[in-house]
Amino acid sequence: MKASHYYAIALFAYLSLFSLLMLWNTVLSPPEKLPVALLLIITVSPLLLVLRGFLKGNLKSCSWMAYISMPYFIHGSIEAYVRTERLLPSLEVTFSLLLFLGTSLFVRQSGKDSK
């Protein structure tokens, strides 16, 4: 596959994960004890740190996006284990894995193409 295909997968996973986190914490299951704004800052802001470079296809930013996606995988795995309703955590795990694989393979393929 071409690097652009991996980038498209990563971009789809990023947008899906971002949308899922926004909907999960505001509409689908708002927190009872914490303010919604605080929870959004904690959960969504790490995805925004390297967004500019990621959208430009910067290899270093894409590598960092792969690292940033791993806590979401861990969070989704723990939530899927603890909760009785497992759809949202399973989606979080799926999107974070797609983001990790898409960005990792994009960086790898881009490195091969540049040589």
C-alpha atoms as a PDB file:
ATOM      1  CA  MET A   1       0.000   0.000   0.000  1.00  0.00           C
ATOM      2  CA  LYS A   2       1.026   3.590  -0.506  1.00  0.00           C
ATOM      3  CA  ALA A   3       1.813   5.934   2.337  1.00  0.00           C
ATOM      4  CA  SER A   4      -1.229   8.027   1.448  1.00  0.00           C
ATOM      5  CA  HIS A   5      -3.502   5.055   2.163  1.00  0.00           C
ATOM      6  CA  TYR A   6      -2.025   4.657   5.639  1.00  0.00           C
ATOM      7  CA  TYR A   7      -2.379   8.382   6.225  1.00  0.00           C
ATOM      8  CA  ALA A   8      -6.063   8.212   5.206  1.00  0.00           C
ATOM      9  CA  ILE A   9      -6.600   5.368   7.692  1.00  0.00           C
ATOM     10  CA  ALA A  10      -4.872   7.363  10.423  1.00  0.00           C
ATOM     11  CA  LEU A  11      -6.881  10.492   9.635  1.00  0.00           C
ATOM     12  CA  PHE A  12     -10.148   8.540   9.695  1.00  0.00           C
ATOM     13  CA  ALA A  13      -9.191   6.960  13.027  1.00  0.00           C
ATOM     14  CA  TYR A  14      -8.199  10.334  14.481  1.00  0.00           C
ATOM     15  CA  LEU A  15     -11.449  12.009  13.505  1.00  0.00           C
ATOM     16  CA  SER A  16     -13.460   9.023  14.727  1.00  0.00           C
ATOM     17  CA  LEU A  17     -11.649   8.871  18.066  1.00  0.00           C
ATOM     18  CA  PHE A  18     -11.981  12.624  18.559  1.00  0.00           C
ATOM     19  CA  SER A  19     -15.711  12.524  17.742  1.00  0.00           C
ATOM     20  CA  LEU A  20     -16.272   9.511  19.965  1.00  0.00           C
ATOM     21  CA  LEU A  21     -14.580  11.154  22.945  1.00  0.00           C
ATOM     22  CA  MET A  22     -16.529  14.380  22.441  1.00  0.00           C
ATOM     23  CA  LEU A  23     -19.871  12.572  22.176  1.00  0.00           C
ATOM     24  CA  TRP A  24     -19.144  10.106  24.962  1.00  0.00           C
ATOM     25  CA  ASN A  25     -18.254  12.787  27.488  1.00  0.00           C
ATOM     26  CA  THR A  26     -20.978  15.282  26.582  1.00  0.00           C
ATOM     27  CA  VAL A  27     -24.060  13.601  25.128  1.00  0.00           C
ATOM     28  CA  LEU A  28     -23.953   9.833  25.584  1.00  0.00           C
ATOM     29  CA  SER A  29     -22.629   9.529  29.132  1.00  0.00           C
ATOM     30  CA  PRO A  30     -21.890  12.879  30.792  1.00  0.00           C
ATOM     31  CA  PRO A  31     -20.006  12.705  34.092  1.00  0.00           C
ATOM     32  CA  GLU A  32     -21.913  13.167  37.310  1.00  0.00           C
ATOM     33  CA  LYS A  33     -19.115  14.324  39.623  1.00  0.00           C
ATOM     34  CA  LEU A  34     -16.763  16.270  37.329  1.00  0.00           C
ATOM     35  CA  PRO A  35     -17.552  19.290  35.174  1.00  0.00           C
ATOM     36  CA  VAL A  36     -17.869  18.344  31.524  1.00  0.00           C
ATOM     37  CA  ALA A  37     -15.352  21.004  30.476  1.00  0.00           C
ATOM     38  CA  LEU A  38     -12.680  19.609  32.792  1.00  0.00           C
ATOM     39  CA  LEU A  39     -13.208  16.084  31.518  1.00  0.00           C
ATOM     40  CA  LEU A  40     -12.996  17.275  27.917  1.00  0.00           C
ATOM     41  CA  ILE A  41      -9.747  19.097  28.647  1.00  0.00           C
ATOM     42  CA  ILE A  42      -8.283  15.951  30.187  1.00  0.00           C
ATOM     43  CA  THR A  43      -9.445  13.519  27.511  1.00  0.00           C
ATOM     44  CA  VAL A  44      -9.359  15.484  24.265  1.00  0.00           C
ATOM     45  CA  SER A  45      -6.480  17.948  24.671  1.00  0.00           C
ATOM     46  CA  PRO A  46      -3.682  15.356  24.177  1.00  0.00           C
ATOM     47  CA  LEU A  47      -5.080  14.678  20.707  1.00  0.00           C
ATOM     48  CA  LEU A  48      -4.865  18.374  19.894  1.00  0.00           C
ATOM     49  CA  LEU A  49      -1.188  18.774  20.828  1.00  0.00           C
ATOM     50  CA  VAL A  50       0.222  17.524  17.519  1.00  0.00           C
ATOM     51  CA  LEU A  51      -2.834  18.120  15.335  1.00  0.00           C
ATOM     52  CA  ARG A  52      -1.246  20.820  13.167  1.00  0.00           C
ATOM     53  CA  GLY A  53       1.754  18.698  12.196  1.00  0.00           C
ATOM     54  CA  PHE A  54      -0.385  15.599  11.827  1.00  0.00           C
ATOM     55  CA  LEU A  55      -2.697  17.317   9.347  1.00  0.00           C
ATOM     56  CA  LYS A  56       0.334  18.463   7.341  1.00  0.00           C
ATOM     57  CA  GLY A  57       1.700  14.906   7.260  1.00  0.00           C
ATOM     58  CA  ASN A  58       4.806  15.761   9.283  1.00  0.00           C
ATOM     59  CA  LEU A  59       6.545  12.471  10.105  1.00  0.00           C
ATOM     60  CA  LYS A  60       7.611  13.523  13.599  1.00  0.00           C
ATOM     61  CA  SER A  61       4.082  14.639  14.471  1.00  0.00           C
ATOM     62  CA  CYS A  62       2.673  11.404  13.100  1.00  0.00           C
ATOM     63  CA  SER A  63       5.098   9.443  15.265  1.00  0.00           C
ATOM     64  CA  TRP A  64       3.983  11.396  18.309  1.00  0.00           C
ATOM     65  CA  MET A  65       0.352  10.803  17.384  1.00  0.00           C
ATOM     66  CA  ALA A  66       1.050   7.064  17.489  1.00  0.00           C
ATOM     67  CA  TYR A  67       2.482   7.424  21.004  1.00  0.00           C
ATOM     68  CA  ILE A  68      -0.410   9.602  22.123  1.00  0.00           C
ATOM     69  CA  SER A  69      -2.966   7.026  20.940  1.00  0.00           C
ATOM     70  CA  MET A  70      -1.758   4.344  23.354  1.00  0.00           C
ATOM     71  CA  PRO A  71      -3.298   5.756  26.569  1.00  0.00           C
ATOM     72  CA  TYR A  72      -6.650   5.745  24.761  1.00  0.00           C
ATOM     73  CA  PHE A  73      -6.157   2.046  24.011  1.00  0.00           C
ATOM     74  CA  ILE A  74      -5.412   1.387  27.678  1.00  0.00           C
ATOM     75  CA  HIS A  75      -8.380   3.464  28.825  1.00  0.00           C
ATOM     76  CA  GLY A  76     -10.734   1.708  26.417  1.00  0.00           C
ATOM     77  CA  SER A  77      -9.471  -1.718  27.473  1.00  0.00           C
ATOM     78  CA  ILE A  78      -9.999  -0.962  31.156  1.00  0.00           C
ATOM     79  CA  GLU A  79     -13.447   0.525  30.535  1.00  0.00           C
ATOM     80  CA  ALA A  80     -14.467  -2.488  28.424  1.00  0.00           C
ATOM     81  CA  TYR A  81     -13.393  -4.803  31.236  1.00  0.00           C
ATOM     82  CA  VAL A  82     -15.193  -2.861  33.962  1.00  0.00           C
ATOM     83  CA  ARG A  83     -18.429  -1.790  32.257  1.00  0.00           C
ATOM     84  CA  THR A  84     -21.383  -3.956  31.386  1.00  0.00           C
ATOM     85  CA  GLU A  85     -22.076  -1.814  28.298  1.00  0.00           C
ATOM     86  CA  ARG A  86     -19.014  -2.331  26.107  1.00  0.00           C
ATOM     87  CA  LEU A  87     -19.804  -0.609  22.818  1.00  0.00           C
ATOM     88  CA  LEU A  88     -18.179   2.772  23.497  1.00  0.00           C
ATOM     89  CA  PRO A  89     -14.988   1.370  25.053  1.00  0.00           C
ATOM     90  CA  SER A  90     -14.674  -1.130  22.213  1.00  0.00           C
ATOM     91  CA  LEU A  91     -14.936   1.686  19.698  1.00  0.00           C
ATOM     92  CA  GLU A  92     -12.262   3.607  21.596  1.00  0.00           C
ATOM     93  CA  VAL A  93      -9.953   0.589  21.478  1.00  0.00           C
ATOM     94  CA  THR A  94     -10.613   0.083  17.769  1.00  0.00           C
ATOM     95  CA  PHE A  95     -10.049   3.706  16.805  1.00  0.00           C
ATOM     96  CA  SER A  96      -6.921   4.055  18.927  1.00  0.00           C
ATOM     97  CA  LEU A  97      -5.446   0.891  17.385  1.00  0.00           C
ATOM     98  CA  LEU A  98      -6.305   2.112  13.900  1.00  0.00           C
ATOM     99  CA  LEU A  99      -4.684   5.448  14.700  1.00  0.00           C
ATOM    100  CA  PHE A 100      -1.565   3.750  16.033  1.00  0.00           C
ATOM    101  CA  LEU A 101      -1.233   1.371  13.090  1.00  0.00           C
ATOM    102  CA  GLY A 102      -2.099   4.014  10.494  1.00  0.00           C
ATOM    103  CA  THR A 103       0.429   6.543  11.750  1.00  0.00           C
ATOM    104  CA  SER A 104       3.138   3.941  12.346  1.00  0.00           C
ATOM    105  CA  LEU A 105       2.772   2.434   8.905  1.00  0.00           C
ATOM    106  CA  PHE A 106       2.571   5.889   7.315  1.00  0.00           C
ATOM    107  CA  VAL A 107       5.873   6.905   8.906  1.00  0.00           C
ATOM    108  CA  ARG A 108       7.460   3.594   7.930  1.00  0.00           C
ATOM    109  CA  GLN A 109       6.249   3.742   4.325  1.00  0.00           C
ATOM    110  CA  SER A 110       7.180   7.396   3.961  1.00  0.00           C
ATOM    111  CA  GLY A 111      10.698   6.582   5.149  1.00  0.00           C
ATOM    112  CA  LYS A 112      10.970   3.818   2.553  1.00  0.00           C
ATOM    113  CA  ASP A 113       9.652   6.071  -0.200  1.00  0.00           C
ATOM    114  CA  SER A 114      12.151   8.830   0.566  1.00  0.00           C
ATOM    115  CA  LYS A 115      15.155   6.515   0.200  1.00  0.00           C
END
